[in-house]
Amino acid sequence: MPKTKSTPKPIEELTYEEALAELEGIVEALESDQNPLEETMKLYERGQALVTQCGALLNAAQLKVQNLAGESLVEFEEESE
């Protein structure tokens, strides 16, 4: 039975976790260097759109946290070992 590719979910409908997982898969596929040029370009284009979506979702989450925390939002400090 031939391998069929399903139509990917529209990027704007993906959660951050879904977009990041797909982006990681695209990076692996691009690193494998086993795709024809046309497929590589499609993967790269989708990857760029996923990066934009992840950034937008992170910005939205940061804004929501800032709104919830108000002025009491403090910078994260790493614990020293």
C-alpha atoms as a PDB file:
ATOM      1  CA  MET A   1       0.000   0.000   0.000  1.00  0.00           C
ATOM      2  CA  PRO A   2       1.543   3.373  -1.003  1.00  0.00           C
ATOM      3  CA  LYS A   3       2.391   5.878   1.691  1.00  0.00           C
ATOM      4  CA  THR A   4      -0.074   8.774   1.585  1.00  0.00           C
ATOM      5  CA  LYS A   5       0.570  12.157   3.094  1.00  0.00           C
ATOM      6  CA  SER A   6      -2.312  13.685   4.975  1.00  0.00           C
ATOM      7  CA  THR A   7      -3.058  17.357   4.598  1.00  0.00           C
ATOM      8  CA  PRO A   8      -1.437  19.188   7.497  1.00  0.00           C
ATOM      9  CA  LYS A   9      -3.642  21.068   9.913  1.00  0.00           C
ATOM     10  CA  PRO A  10      -3.797  24.817   9.210  1.00  0.00           C
ATOM     11  CA  ILE A  11      -1.041  26.537  11.169  1.00  0.00           C
ATOM     12  CA  GLU A  12      -3.367  29.016  12.858  1.00  0.00           C
ATOM     13  CA  GLU A  13      -5.310  26.083  14.382  1.00  0.00           C
ATOM     14  CA  LEU A  14      -2.237  24.475  15.980  1.00  0.00           C
ATOM     15  CA  THR A  15      -1.456  24.720  19.662  1.00  0.00           C
ATOM     16  CA  TYR A  16       2.041  25.769  20.637  1.00  0.00           C
ATOM     17  CA  GLU A  17       2.945  22.168  21.452  1.00  0.00           C
ATOM     18  CA  GLU A  18       1.616  20.879  18.115  1.00  0.00           C
ATOM     19  CA  ALA A  19       3.438  23.589  16.160  1.00  0.00           C
ATOM     20  CA  LEU A  20       6.698  22.956  17.998  1.00  0.00           C
ATOM     21  CA  ALA A  21       6.467  19.185  17.479  1.00  0.00           C
ATOM     22  CA  GLU A  22       5.819  19.660  13.773  1.00  0.00           C
ATOM     23  CA  LEU A  23       8.680  22.138  13.545  1.00  0.00           C
ATOM     24  CA  GLU A  24      11.023  19.627  15.189  1.00  0.00           C
ATOM     25  CA  GLY A  25       9.930  17.023  12.625  1.00  0.00           C
ATOM     26  CA  ILE A  26      10.616  19.460   9.793  1.00  0.00           C
ATOM     27  CA  VAL A  27      14.096  20.186  11.149  1.00  0.00           C
ATOM     28  CA  GLU A  28      14.830  16.446  11.251  1.00  0.00           C
ATOM     29  CA  ALA A  29      13.559  16.026   7.685  1.00  0.00           C
ATOM     30  CA  LEU A  30      15.656  18.954   6.450  1.00  0.00           C
ATOM     31  CA  GLU A  31      18.739  17.643   8.223  1.00  0.00           C
ATOM     32  CA  SER A  32      18.321  14.228   6.613  1.00  0.00           C
ATOM     33  CA  ASP A  33      19.025  15.757   3.192  1.00  0.00           C
ATOM     34  CA  GLN A  34      16.894  13.031   1.582  1.00  0.00           C
ATOM     35  CA  ASN A  35      14.183  15.214   0.051  1.00  0.00           C
ATOM     36  CA  PRO A  36      13.934  16.597  -3.469  1.00  0.00           C
ATOM     37  CA  LEU A  37      14.455  20.351  -3.774  1.00  0.00           C
ATOM     38  CA  GLU A  38      10.741  21.094  -4.224  1.00  0.00           C
ATOM     39  CA  GLU A  39       9.843  19.157  -1.054  1.00  0.00           C
ATOM     40  CA  THR A  40      12.695  20.821   0.847  1.00  0.00           C
ATOM     41  CA  MET A  41      11.401  24.254  -0.132  1.00  0.00           C
ATOM     42  CA  LYS A  42       7.863  23.347   1.001  1.00  0.00           C
ATOM     43  CA  LEU A  43       9.200  22.069   4.321  1.00  0.00           C
ATOM     44  CA  TYR A  44      11.274  25.222   4.817  1.00  0.00           C
ATOM     45  CA  GLU A  45       8.284  27.446   4.031  1.00  0.00           C
ATOM     46  CA  ARG A  46       6.040  25.567   6.465  1.00  0.00           C
ATOM     47  CA  GLY A  47       8.798  25.680   9.059  1.00  0.00           C
ATOM     48  CA  GLN A  48       9.055  29.462   8.765  1.00  0.00           C
ATOM     49  CA  ALA A  49       5.290  29.776   9.200  1.00  0.00           C
ATOM     50  CA  LEU A  50       5.463  27.492  12.260  1.00  0.00           C
ATOM     51  CA  VAL A  51       8.231  29.621  13.786  1.00  0.00           C
ATOM     52  CA  THR A  52       6.058  32.712  13.300  1.00  0.00           C
ATOM     53  CA  GLN A  53       3.062  30.956  14.874  1.00  0.00           C
ATOM     54  CA  CYS A  54       5.107  29.741  17.866  1.00  0.00           C
ATOM     55  CA  GLY A  55       6.425  33.265  18.409  1.00  0.00           C
ATOM     56  CA  ALA A  56       2.930  34.726  18.249  1.00  0.00           C
ATOM     57  CA  LEU A  57       1.588  32.152  20.709  1.00  0.00           C
ATOM     58  CA  LEU A  58       4.457  32.811  23.127  1.00  0.00           C
ATOM     59  CA  ASN A  59       3.914  36.571  22.870  1.00  0.00           C
ATOM     60  CA  ALA A  60       0.209  36.112  23.559  1.00  0.00           C
ATOM     61  CA  ALA A  61       0.974  33.944  26.593  1.00  0.00           C
ATOM     62  CA  GLN A  62       3.471  36.497  27.897  1.00  0.00           C
ATOM     63  CA  LEU A  63       0.931  39.299  27.498  1.00  0.00           C
ATOM     64  CA  LYS A  64      -1.700  37.264  29.329  1.00  0.00           C
ATOM     65  CA  VAL A  65       0.699  36.556  32.203  1.00  0.00           C
ATOM     66  CA  GLN A  66       1.616  40.239  32.397  1.00  0.00           C
ATOM     67  CA  ASN A  67      -2.057  41.204  32.489  1.00  0.00           C
ATOM     68  CA  LEU A  68      -2.765  38.667  35.224  1.00  0.00           C
ATOM     69  CA  ALA A  69       0.300  39.562  37.286  1.00  0.00           C
ATOM     70  CA  GLY A  70       0.082  43.299  36.737  1.00  0.00           C
ATOM     71  CA  GLU A  71       3.068  45.256  37.943  1.00  0.00           C
ATOM     72  CA  SER A  72       4.156  42.449  40.276  1.00  0.00           C
ATOM     73  CA  LEU A  73       5.781  40.501  37.424  1.00  0.00           C
ATOM     74  CA  VAL A  74       9.424  39.867  38.293  1.00  0.00           C
ATOM     75  CA  GLU A  75      12.318  38.526  36.265  1.00  0.00           C
ATOM     76  CA  PHE A  76      13.151  34.837  36.631  1.00  0.00           C
ATOM     77  CA  GLU A  77      16.377  34.218  38.517  1.00  0.00           C
ATOM     78  CA  GLU A  78      18.239  30.936  38.154  1.00  0.00           C
ATOM     79  CA  GLU A  79      19.360  29.197  41.308  1.00  0.00           C
ATOM     80  CA  SER A  80      23.114  28.960  41.617  1.00  0.00           C
ATOM     81  CA  GLU A  81      24.550  25.585  42.429  1.00  0.00           C
END
